[in-house]
């Protein structure tokens, strides 16, 4: 019985990891770059953030702060895409 539970937990963790990897591989940098440029250039040059190198947490903080400055300009889902793009393209 204990072995069955351990197996199920490990199986579930494996499925989660495989799903996360698939999402990571399917991320479209070109589309994300276009979204970043469309949303972020509304308030400032995109050269500003492109000139920086930050961790994912730092990019998240920056993007969420910018999102709060213009409520409704981009959704939480769009913010996550922008954070992922910046983390990959300009991450530490």
C-alpha atoms as a PDB file:
ATOM      1  CA  UNK A   1       0.000   0.000   0.000  1.00  0.00           C
ATOM      2  CA  UNK A   2       2.785   2.426   0.931  1.00  0.00           C
ATOM      3  CA  UNK A   3       4.633   1.533  -2.276  1.00  0.00           C
ATOM      4  CA  UNK A   4       1.537   2.311  -4.316  1.00  0.00           C
ATOM      5  CA  UNK A   5       1.203   5.747  -2.700  1.00  0.00           C
ATOM      6  CA  UNK A   6       4.887   6.499  -3.216  1.00  0.00           C
ATOM      7  CA  UNK A   7       4.577   5.431  -6.850  1.00  0.00           C
ATOM      8  CA  UNK A   8       1.536   7.655  -7.379  1.00  0.00           C
ATOM      9  CA  UNK A   9       3.281  10.660  -5.844  1.00  0.00           C
ATOM     10  CA  UNK A  10       6.399  10.125  -7.950  1.00  0.00           C
ATOM     11  CA  UNK A  11       4.271   9.592 -11.052  1.00  0.00           C
ATOM     12  CA  UNK A  12       2.376  12.847 -10.403  1.00  0.00           C
ATOM     13  CA  UNK A  13       5.633  14.764  -9.867  1.00  0.00           C
ATOM     14  CA  UNK A  14       6.969  13.307 -13.118  1.00  0.00           C
ATOM     15  CA  UNK A  15       3.875  14.390 -15.025  1.00  0.00           C
ATOM     16  CA  UNK A  16       4.114  17.889 -13.578  1.00  0.00           C
ATOM     17  CA  UNK A  17       7.786  18.154 -14.507  1.00  0.00           C
ATOM     18  CA  UNK A  18       7.114  16.901 -18.029  1.00  0.00           C
ATOM     19  CA  UNK A  19       4.268  19.384 -18.419  1.00  0.00           C
ATOM     20  CA  UNK A  20       6.455  22.235 -17.213  1.00  0.00           C
ATOM     21  CA  UNK A  21       9.178  21.251 -19.651  1.00  0.00           C
ATOM     22  CA  UNK A  22       6.685  21.144 -22.517  1.00  0.00           C
ATOM     23  CA  UNK A  23       5.438  24.638 -21.654  1.00  0.00           C
ATOM     24  CA  UNK A  24       9.011  25.905 -21.457  1.00  0.00           C
ATOM     25  CA  UNK A  25       9.836  24.408 -24.859  1.00  0.00           C
ATOM     26  CA  UNK A  26       6.666  25.824 -26.430  1.00  0.00           C
ATOM     27  CA  UNK A  27       7.366  29.403 -25.318  1.00  0.00           C
ATOM     28  CA  UNK A  28       7.412  31.624 -28.407  1.00  0.00           C
ATOM     29  CA  UNK A  29      10.133  34.239 -27.952  1.00  0.00           C
ATOM     30  CA  UNK A  30       9.148  36.122 -31.120  1.00  0.00           C
ATOM     31  CA  UNK A  31       5.520  36.557 -30.055  1.00  0.00           C
ATOM     32  CA  UNK A  32       6.599  37.447 -26.521  1.00  0.00           C
ATOM     33  CA  UNK A  33       9.056  40.013 -27.878  1.00  0.00           C
ATOM     34  CA  UNK A  34       6.290  41.614 -29.944  1.00  0.00           C
ATOM     35  CA  UNK A  35       3.996  41.733 -26.899  1.00  0.00           C
ATOM     36  CA  UNK A  36       6.792  43.267 -24.807  1.00  0.00           C
ATOM     37  CA  UNK A  37       7.474  45.932 -27.426  1.00  0.00           C
ATOM     38  CA  UNK A  38       3.780  46.738 -27.945  1.00  0.00           C
ATOM     39  CA  UNK A  39       2.981  47.070 -24.255  1.00  0.00           C
ATOM     40  CA  UNK A  40       6.179  48.524 -22.817  1.00  0.00           C
ATOM     41  CA  UNK A  41       6.885  51.070 -25.554  1.00  0.00           C
ATOM     42  CA  UNK A  42       3.636  52.802 -24.656  1.00  0.00           C
ATOM     43  CA  UNK A  43       5.395  54.500 -21.729  1.00  0.00           C
ATOM     44  CA  UNK A  44       9.125  54.321 -22.507  1.00  0.00           C
ATOM     45  CA  UNK A  45      11.720  53.170 -24.997  1.00  0.00           C
ATOM     46  CA  UNK A  46      12.207  49.399 -25.040  1.00  0.00           C
ATOM     47  CA  UNK A  47      15.948  50.062 -25.028  1.00  0.00           C
ATOM     48  CA  UNK A  48      15.616  50.957 -21.352  1.00  0.00           C
ATOM     49  CA  UNK A  49      14.703  47.462 -20.110  1.00  0.00           C
ATOM     50  CA  UNK A  50      16.749  45.755 -22.838  1.00  0.00           C
ATOM     51  CA  UNK A  51      19.820  47.459 -21.407  1.00  0.00           C
ATOM     52  CA  UNK A  52      19.348  45.741 -18.053  1.00  0.00           C
ATOM     53  CA  UNK A  53      20.046  42.242 -16.786  1.00  0.00           C
ATOM     54  CA  UNK A  54      17.840  41.039 -13.923  1.00  0.00           C
ATOM     55  CA  UNK A  55      16.753  37.835 -12.234  1.00  0.00           C
ATOM     56  CA  UNK A  56      13.244  36.529 -12.862  1.00  0.00           C
ATOM     57  CA  UNK A  57      12.116  37.883  -9.492  1.00  0.00           C
ATOM     58  CA  UNK A  58      13.549  41.298 -10.318  1.00  0.00           C
ATOM     59  CA  UNK A  59      11.820  41.330 -13.725  1.00  0.00           C
ATOM     60  CA  UNK A  60       8.597  40.246 -12.067  1.00  0.00           C
ATOM     61  CA  UNK A  61       8.802  43.112  -9.601  1.00  0.00           C
ATOM     62  CA  UNK A  62       9.536  45.616 -12.381  1.00  0.00           C
ATOM     63  CA  UNK A  63       6.766  44.399 -14.700  1.00  0.00           C
ATOM     64  CA  UNK A  64       4.175  44.283 -11.908  1.00  0.00           C
ATOM     65  CA  UNK A  65       5.150  47.822 -10.867  1.00  0.00           C
ATOM     66  CA  UNK A  66       4.733  49.011 -14.464  1.00  0.00           C
ATOM     67  CA  UNK A  67       1.434  47.143 -14.756  1.00  0.00           C
ATOM     68  CA  UNK A  68       0.150  49.081 -11.744  1.00  0.00           C
ATOM     69  CA  UNK A  69       0.991  52.420 -13.344  1.00  0.00           C
ATOM     70  CA  UNK A  70      -1.488  51.880 -16.186  1.00  0.00           C
ATOM     71  CA  UNK A  71      -4.287  49.727 -14.836  1.00  0.00           C
ATOM     72  CA  UNK A  72      -5.849  47.582 -17.525  1.00  0.00           C
ATOM     73  CA  UNK A  73      -3.122  48.210 -20.131  1.00  0.00           C
ATOM     74  CA  UNK A  74      -2.001  44.576 -19.947  1.00  0.00           C
ATOM     75  CA  UNK A  75      -3.427  41.526 -18.253  1.00  0.00           C
ATOM     76  CA  UNK A  76      -1.794  39.313 -15.638  1.00  0.00           C
ATOM     77  CA  UNK A  77      -1.300  36.671 -18.337  1.00  0.00           C
ATOM     78  CA  UNK A  78       0.420  39.199 -20.594  1.00  0.00           C
ATOM     79  CA  UNK A  79       2.554  40.314 -17.656  1.00  0.00           C
ATOM     80  CA  UNK A  80       3.688  36.718 -17.093  1.00  0.00           C
ATOM     81  CA  UNK A  81       4.594  36.399 -20.784  1.00  0.00           C
ATOM     82  CA  UNK A  82       6.595  39.634 -20.623  1.00  0.00           C
ATOM     83  CA  UNK A  83       8.334  38.484 -17.430  1.00  0.00           C
ATOM     84  CA  UNK A  84       9.238  35.167 -19.045  1.00  0.00           C
ATOM     85  CA  UNK A  85      10.516  36.919 -22.164  1.00  0.00           C
ATOM     86  CA  UNK A  86      12.657  39.382 -20.192  1.00  0.00           C
ATOM     87  CA  UNK A  87      13.968  36.606 -17.956  1.00  0.00           C
ATOM     88  CA  UNK A  88      15.085  34.574 -20.949  1.00  0.00           C
ATOM     89  CA  UNK A  89      16.359  37.409 -23.113  1.00  0.00           C
ATOM     90  CA  UNK A  90      17.805  39.676 -20.407  1.00  0.00           C
ATOM     91  CA  UNK A  91      18.132  37.506 -17.348  1.00  0.00           C
ATOM     92  CA  UNK A  92      20.948  36.973 -14.908  1.00  0.00           C
END
